[in-house]
Amino acid sequence: MRRFFVWVIACVLTFSSCIFHSDNNKFGRDFNDARIRLGLPIIKKGWQRHTTPFYGPPRNSTLWFTDSRPKDLKQAYYAYKTIYYDENGPVAEADRYLNMEFNWFEPKLKSHGVISDSMLTLLKKCHALDIIYVLRCVNLDGEDFSRYTPGWNCRVMGQLNGYAYQETISMPMAQEMLKHWHVRRLNY
């Protein structure tokens, strides 16, 4: 009887995981040709789609973890891609890059060549960069893309004076940050 009960629980968890995540593969690897045309990083074969039966499924989004995490965790890297969609198709894609040299309590920066004062200040206070490509400006559950403009939108996250910090920056500034972090934006 106990084995039967364990078997039933395992089947329910497996079945509920399949139901929860059956829709989370939208706009995955099959959408890579469109990504190349738009100038977005593609989803490579080794990437893993985020799935877990322990939390509710994300609504209107799919998270893909990249295979670019460095062995030396002190290097910056391309961490993951989030794809946002609704019943009418894709809405936006956000690519997150992490600066592992960042120290929340005492920001330090190793200079890699000539840096403008404004870029030096930005690099010192930021640990993450999101490059978001918005296809349609709509409000989804949990993410409001109606506040963005169509096309490229970039934001940095970090700390300023001991508090969490977020700022919108231009695409050229985001590309300069990636250059100083020694990270390529496109992976093809």
C-alpha atoms as a PDB file:
ATOM      1  CA  MET A   1       0.000   0.000   0.000  1.00  0.00           C
ATOM      2  CA  ARG A   2       2.827   2.389   0.881  1.00  0.00           C
ATOM      3  CA  ARG A   3       4.579   1.724  -2.435  1.00  0.00           C
ATOM      4  CA  PHE A   4       1.357   2.414  -4.278  1.00  0.00           C
ATOM      5  CA  PHE A   5       0.984   5.738  -2.433  1.00  0.00           C
ATOM      6  CA  VAL A   6       4.578   6.744  -3.297  1.00  0.00           C
ATOM      7  CA  TRP A   7       3.965   5.742  -6.925  1.00  0.00           C
ATOM      8  CA  VAL A   8       0.772   7.865  -7.066  1.00  0.00           C
ATOM      9  CA  ILE A   9       2.601  10.905  -5.601  1.00  0.00           C
ATOM     10  CA  ALA A  10       5.445  10.494  -8.129  1.00  0.00           C
ATOM     11  CA  CYS A  11       2.959  10.268 -11.012  1.00  0.00           C
ATOM     12  CA  VAL A  12       1.057  13.349  -9.829  1.00  0.00           C
ATOM     13  CA  LEU A  13       4.270  15.395  -9.516  1.00  0.00           C
ATOM     14  CA  THR A  14       5.482  14.266 -12.939  1.00  0.00           C
ATOM     15  CA  PHE A  15       2.106  14.916 -14.581  1.00  0.00           C
ATOM     16  CA  SER A  16       1.694  18.343 -12.929  1.00  0.00           C
ATOM     17  CA  SER A  17       5.211  19.302 -13.976  1.00  0.00           C
ATOM     18  CA  CYS A  18       4.359  18.413 -17.590  1.00  0.00           C
ATOM     19  CA  ILE A  19       1.124  20.421 -17.456  1.00  0.00           C
ATOM     20  CA  PHE A  20       2.799  23.425 -15.827  1.00  0.00           C
ATOM     21  CA  HIS A  21       5.678  23.535 -18.275  1.00  0.00           C
ATOM     22  CA  SER A  22       4.129  22.286 -21.506  1.00  0.00           C
ATOM     23  CA  ASP A  23       3.782  25.858 -22.770  1.00  0.00           C
ATOM     24  CA  ASN A  24       7.219  27.057 -21.600  1.00  0.00           C
ATOM     25  CA  ASN A  25       9.075  25.948 -24.710  1.00  0.00           C
ATOM     26  CA  LYS A  26       7.496  28.657 -26.865  1.00  0.00           C
ATOM     27  CA  PHE A  27       9.923  30.520 -29.063  1.00  0.00           C
ATOM     28  CA  GLY A  28      12.864  28.291 -28.088  1.00  0.00           C
ATOM     29  CA  ARG A  29      15.589  27.024 -30.418  1.00  0.00           C
ATOM     30  CA  ASP A  30      13.188  26.920 -33.381  1.00  0.00           C
ATOM     31  CA  PHE A  31      13.057  30.734 -33.207  1.00  0.00           C
ATOM     32  CA  ASN A  32      16.866  31.131 -33.615  1.00  0.00           C
ATOM     33  CA  ASP A  33      16.705  32.173 -37.295  1.00  0.00           C
ATOM     34  CA  ALA A  34      14.458  35.100 -36.305  1.00  0.00           C
ATOM     35  CA  ARG A  35      16.903  35.958 -33.482  1.00  0.00           C
ATOM     36  CA  ILE A  36      19.792  36.152 -35.938  1.00  0.00           C
ATOM     37  CA  ARG A  37      17.769  38.471 -38.209  1.00  0.00           C
ATOM     38  CA  LEU A  38      16.997  40.710 -35.176  1.00  0.00           C
ATOM     39  CA  GLY A  39      20.599  40.666 -33.883  1.00  0.00           C
ATOM     40  CA  LEU A  40      19.770  38.737 -30.695  1.00  0.00           C
ATOM     41  CA  PRO A  41      21.802  35.972 -29.037  1.00  0.00           C
ATOM     42  CA  ILE A  42      20.513  32.520 -29.990  1.00  0.00           C
ATOM     43  CA  ILE A  43      19.562  29.620 -27.719  1.00  0.00           C
ATOM     44  CA  LYS A  44      22.328  27.062 -28.137  1.00  0.00           C
ATOM     45  CA  LYS A  45      21.957  23.294 -27.922  1.00  0.00           C
ATOM     46  CA  GLY A  46      23.556  22.950 -24.458  1.00  0.00           C
ATOM     47  CA  TRP A  47      21.302  25.520 -22.788  1.00  0.00           C
ATOM     48  CA  GLN A  48      18.811  24.381 -20.162  1.00  0.00           C
ATOM     49  CA  ARG A  49      15.225  25.584 -19.933  1.00  0.00           C
ATOM     50  CA  HIS A  50      14.195  26.409 -16.373  1.00  0.00           C
ATOM     51  CA  THR A  51      11.676  23.857 -15.148  1.00  0.00           C
ATOM     52  CA  THR A  52      10.752  22.899 -11.618  1.00  0.00           C
ATOM     53  CA  PRO A  53       7.671  21.239 -10.123  1.00  0.00           C
ATOM     54  CA  PHE A  54       8.160  23.028  -6.794  1.00  0.00           C
ATOM     55  CA  TYR A  55       7.221  26.541  -7.892  1.00  0.00           C
ATOM     56  CA  GLY A  56       4.376  27.679 -10.043  1.00  0.00           C
ATOM     57  CA  PRO A  57       5.234  27.990 -13.726  1.00  0.00           C
ATOM     58  CA  PRO A  58       6.159  31.422 -14.989  1.00  0.00           C
ATOM     59  CA  ARG A  59       3.266  32.990 -16.825  1.00  0.00           C
ATOM     60  CA  ASN A  60       4.045  34.324 -20.267  1.00  0.00           C
ATOM     61  CA  SER A  61       7.789  33.717 -20.050  1.00  0.00           C
ATOM     62  CA  THR A  62      10.460  31.077 -20.431  1.00  0.00           C
ATOM     63  CA  LEU A  63      13.909  31.247 -18.862  1.00  0.00           C
ATOM     64  CA  TRP A  64      16.911  29.641 -20.606  1.00  0.00           C
ATOM     65  CA  PHE A  65      20.220  29.279 -18.735  1.00  0.00           C
ATOM     66  CA  THR A  66      23.282  29.646 -20.937  1.00  0.00           C
ATOM     67  CA  ASP A  67      26.340  27.427 -21.095  1.00  0.00           C
ATOM     68  CA  SER A  68      28.738  30.375 -20.759  1.00  0.00           C
ATOM     69  CA  ARG A  69      29.351  30.371 -16.997  1.00  0.00           C
ATOM     70  CA  PRO A  70      33.138  30.653 -16.589  1.00  0.00           C
ATOM     71  CA  LYS A  71      35.216  28.248 -14.532  1.00  0.00           C
ATOM     72  CA  ASP A  72      36.727  31.296 -12.822  1.00  0.00           C
ATOM     73  CA  LEU A  73      33.690  32.810 -11.123  1.00  0.00           C
ATOM     74  CA  LYS A  74      35.414  36.181 -10.935  1.00  0.00           C
ATOM     75  CA  GLN A  75      34.823  36.793 -14.649  1.00  0.00           C
ATOM     76  CA  ALA A  76      31.777  38.457 -16.170  1.00  0.00           C
ATOM     77  CA  TYR A  77      29.568  36.246 -18.323  1.00  0.00           C
ATOM     78  CA  TYR A  78      26.293  35.894 -20.242  1.00  0.00           C
ATOM     79  CA  ALA A  79      23.981  34.265 -17.668  1.00  0.00           C
ATOM     80  CA  TYR A  80      20.532  33.688 -19.161  1.00  0.00           C
ATOM     81  CA  LYS A  81      17.791  34.678 -21.599  1.00  0.00           C
ATOM     82  CA  THR A  82      14.151  35.301 -20.708  1.00  0.00           C
ATOM     83  CA  ILE A  83      11.575  35.098 -23.478  1.00  0.00           C
ATOM     84  CA  TYR A  84       8.263  36.909 -22.905  1.00  0.00           C
ATOM     85  CA  TYR A  85       5.161  36.100 -24.947  1.00  0.00           C
ATOM     86  CA  ASP A  86       1.384  36.202 -24.923  1.00  0.00           C
ATOM     87  CA  GLU A  87      -1.348  34.542 -26.977  1.00  0.00           C
ATOM     88  CA  ASN A  88      -0.445  36.788 -29.955  1.00  0.00           C
ATOM     89  CA  GLY A  89       3.224  35.770 -30.102  1.00  0.00           C
ATOM     90  CA  PRO A  90       6.575  36.992 -28.773  1.00  0.00           C
ATOM     91  CA  VAL A  91       6.629  40.269 -26.814  1.00  0.00           C
ATOM     92  CA  ALA A  92      10.278  40.706 -25.759  1.00  0.00           C
ATOM     93  CA  GLU A  93      13.563  38.959 -24.974  1.00  0.00           C
ATOM     94  CA  ALA A  94      15.885  39.936 -22.147  1.00  0.00           C
ATOM     95  CA  ASP A  95      19.513  38.813 -22.035  1.00  0.00           C
ATOM     96  CA  ARG A  96      21.231  39.090 -18.626  1.00  0.00           C
ATOM     97  CA  TYR A  97      24.987  39.558 -18.234  1.00  0.00           C
ATOM     98  CA  LEU A  98      26.604  39.336 -14.787  1.00  0.00           C
ATOM     99  CA  ASN A  99      29.748  41.062 -13.528  1.00  0.00           C
ATOM    100  CA  MET A 100      31.256  38.632 -11.022  1.00  0.00           C
ATOM    101  CA  GLU A 101      34.004  41.099  -9.998  1.00  0.00           C
ATOM    102  CA  PHE A 102      31.328  43.257  -8.377  1.00  0.00           C
ATOM    103  CA  ASN A 103      31.494  43.548  -4.579  1.00  0.00           C
ATOM    104  CA  TRP A 104      28.281  44.733  -2.908  1.00  0.00           C
ATOM    105  CA  PHE A 105      30.092  46.182   0.098  1.00  0.00           C
ATOM    106  CA  GLU A 106      33.159  47.752  -1.504  1.00  0.00           C
ATOM    107  CA  PRO A 107      32.904  48.157  -5.278  1.00  0.00           C
ATOM    108  CA  LYS A 108      36.283  47.682  -6.956  1.00  0.00           C
ATOM    109  CA  LEU A 109      37.193  47.793 -10.596  1.00  0.00           C
ATOM    110  CA  LYS A 110      40.202  46.527 -12.466  1.00  0.00           C
ATOM    111  CA  SER A 111      40.867  48.958 -15.276  1.00  0.00           C
ATOM    112  CA  HIS A 112      41.041  47.335 -18.720  1.00  0.00           C
ATOM    113  CA  GLY A 113      42.325  50.212 -20.836  1.00  0.00           C
ATOM    114  CA  VAL A 114      41.081  53.768 -21.225  1.00  0.00           C
ATOM    115  CA  ILE A 115      37.684  54.342 -19.564  1.00  0.00           C
ATOM    116  CA  SER A 116      35.654  57.540 -19.454  1.00  0.00           C
ATOM    117  CA  ASP A 117      34.774  58.837 -15.978  1.00  0.00           C
ATOM    118  CA  SER A 118      31.064  58.171 -16.546  1.00  0.00           C
ATOM    119  CA  MET A 119      31.744  54.574 -17.627  1.00  0.00           C
ATOM    120  CA  LEU A 120      34.088  54.017 -14.689  1.00  0.00           C
ATOM    121  CA  THR A 121      31.369  55.230 -12.303  1.00  0.00           C
ATOM    122  CA  LEU A 122      28.765  53.012 -13.970  1.00  0.00           C
ATOM    123  CA  LEU A 123      31.000  49.925 -13.931  1.00  0.00           C
ATOM    124  CA  LYS A 124      31.832  50.393 -10.238  1.00  0.00           C
ATOM    125  CA  LYS A 125      28.206  50.349  -9.135  1.00  0.00           C
ATOM    126  CA  CYS A 126      26.749  47.654 -11.440  1.00  0.00           C
ATOM    127  CA  HIS A 127      26.670  43.886 -11.115  1.00  0.00           C
ATOM    128  CA  ALA A 128      24.170  43.042 -13.866  1.00  0.00           C
ATOM    129  CA  LEU A 129      23.217  44.286 -17.310  1.00  0.00           C
ATOM    130  CA  ASP A 130      19.940  43.468 -19.062  1.00  0.00           C
ATOM    131  CA  ILE A 131      19.679  44.014 -22.795  1.00  0.00           C
ATOM    132  CA  ILE A 132      15.997  43.843 -23.654  1.00  0.00           C
ATOM    133  CA  TYR A 133      14.637  43.709 -27.181  1.00  0.00           C
ATOM    134  CA  VAL A 134      10.952  44.714 -27.191  1.00  0.00           C
ATOM    135  CA  LEU A 135       8.852  43.550 -30.140  1.00  0.00           C
ATOM    136  CA  ARG A 136       5.473  44.717 -28.799  1.00  0.00           C
ATOM    137  CA  CYS A 137       4.743  47.199 -26.004  1.00  0.00           C
ATOM    138  CA  VAL A 138       2.178  45.345 -23.880  1.00  0.00           C
ATOM    139  CA  ASN A 139       1.592  44.791 -20.182  1.00  0.00           C
ATOM    140  CA  LEU A 140       2.125  41.141 -19.203  1.00  0.00           C
ATOM    141  CA  ASP A 141       1.551  39.607 -15.786  1.00  0.00           C
ATOM    142  CA  GLY A 142       4.687  40.514 -13.864  1.00  0.00           C
ATOM    143  CA  GLU A 143       6.412  42.598 -16.543  1.00  0.00           C
ATOM    144  CA  ASP A 144       5.131  45.832 -18.065  1.00  0.00           C
ATOM    145  CA  PHE A 145       6.600  46.263 -21.542  1.00  0.00           C
ATOM    146  CA  SER A 146       4.205  49.115 -22.315  1.00  0.00           C
ATOM    147  CA  ARG A 147       6.677  51.424 -20.528  1.00  0.00           C
ATOM    148  CA  TYR A 148       9.451  50.543 -22.996  1.00  0.00           C
ATOM    149  CA  THR A 149       9.983  51.675 -26.561  1.00  0.00           C
ATOM    150  CA  PRO A 150      10.037  49.035 -29.318  1.00  0.00           C
ATOM    151  CA  GLY A 151      13.571  47.856 -30.068  1.00  0.00           C
ATOM    152  CA  TRP A 152      16.608  47.941 -27.777  1.00  0.00           C
ATOM    153  CA  ASN A 153      16.232  48.846 -24.094  1.00  0.00           C
ATOM    154  CA  CYS A 154      19.076  48.397 -21.606  1.00  0.00           C
ATOM    155  CA  ARG A 155      19.217  48.585 -17.832  1.00  0.00           C
ATOM    156  CA  VAL A 156      21.896  48.047 -15.240  1.00  0.00           C
ATOM    157  CA  MET A 157      21.466  46.862 -11.650  1.00  0.00           C
ATOM    158  CA  GLY A 158      23.812  47.278  -8.749  1.00  0.00           C
ATOM    159  CA  GLN A 159      24.234  49.393  -5.650  1.00  0.00           C
ATOM    160  CA  LEU A 160      24.610  53.077  -4.980  1.00  0.00           C
ATOM    161  CA  ASN A 161      25.373  54.408  -1.493  1.00  0.00           C
ATOM    162  CA  GLY A 162      24.498  51.025   0.018  1.00  0.00           C
ATOM    163  CA  TYR A 163      21.094  50.669  -1.683  1.00  0.00           C
ATOM    164  CA  ALA A 164      19.899  48.602  -4.623  1.00  0.00           C
ATOM    165  CA  TYR A 165      20.196  50.597  -7.806  1.00  0.00           C
ATOM    166  CA  GLN A 166      18.717  50.366 -11.312  1.00  0.00           C
ATOM    167  CA  GLU A 167      19.291  52.681 -14.273  1.00  0.00           C
ATOM    168  CA  THR A 168      18.327  52.758 -17.937  1.00  0.00           C
ATOM    169  CA  ILE A 169      21.281  53.162 -20.302  1.00  0.00           C
ATOM    170  CA  SER A 170      21.744  53.362 -24.078  1.00  0.00           C
ATOM    171  CA  MET A 171      22.666  50.391 -26.273  1.00  0.00           C
ATOM    172  CA  PRO A 172      26.113  51.897 -27.117  1.00  0.00           C
ATOM    173  CA  MET A 173      26.805  52.263 -23.385  1.00  0.00           C
ATOM    174  CA  ALA A 174      25.690  48.642 -22.777  1.00  0.00           C
ATOM    175  CA  GLN A 175      28.021  47.449 -25.542  1.00  0.00           C
ATOM    176  CA  GLU A 176      30.875  49.439 -23.988  1.00  0.00           C
ATOM    177  CA  MET A 177      30.176  47.780 -20.609  1.00  0.00           C
ATOM    178  CA  LEU A 178      30.324  44.335 -22.213  1.00  0.00           C
ATOM    179  CA  LYS A 179      33.586  45.288 -23.917  1.00  0.00           C
ATOM    180  CA  HIS A 180      35.134  46.210 -20.555  1.00  0.00           C
ATOM    181  CA  TRP A 181      33.785  42.991 -19.044  1.00  0.00           C
ATOM    182  CA  HIS A 182      35.322  41.034 -21.990  1.00  0.00           C
ATOM    183  CA  VAL A 183      31.954  39.512 -22.889  1.00  0.00           C
ATOM    184  CA  ARG A 184      30.572  39.164 -26.416  1.00  0.00           C
ATOM    185  CA  ARG A 185      26.914  40.126 -26.771  1.00  0.00           C
ATOM    186  CA  LEU A 186      26.210  37.781 -29.681  1.00  0.00           C
ATOM    187  CA  ASN A 187      27.003  34.078 -29.356  1.00  0.00           C
ATOM    188  CA  TYR A 188      27.180  33.084 -33.031  1.00  0.00           C
END
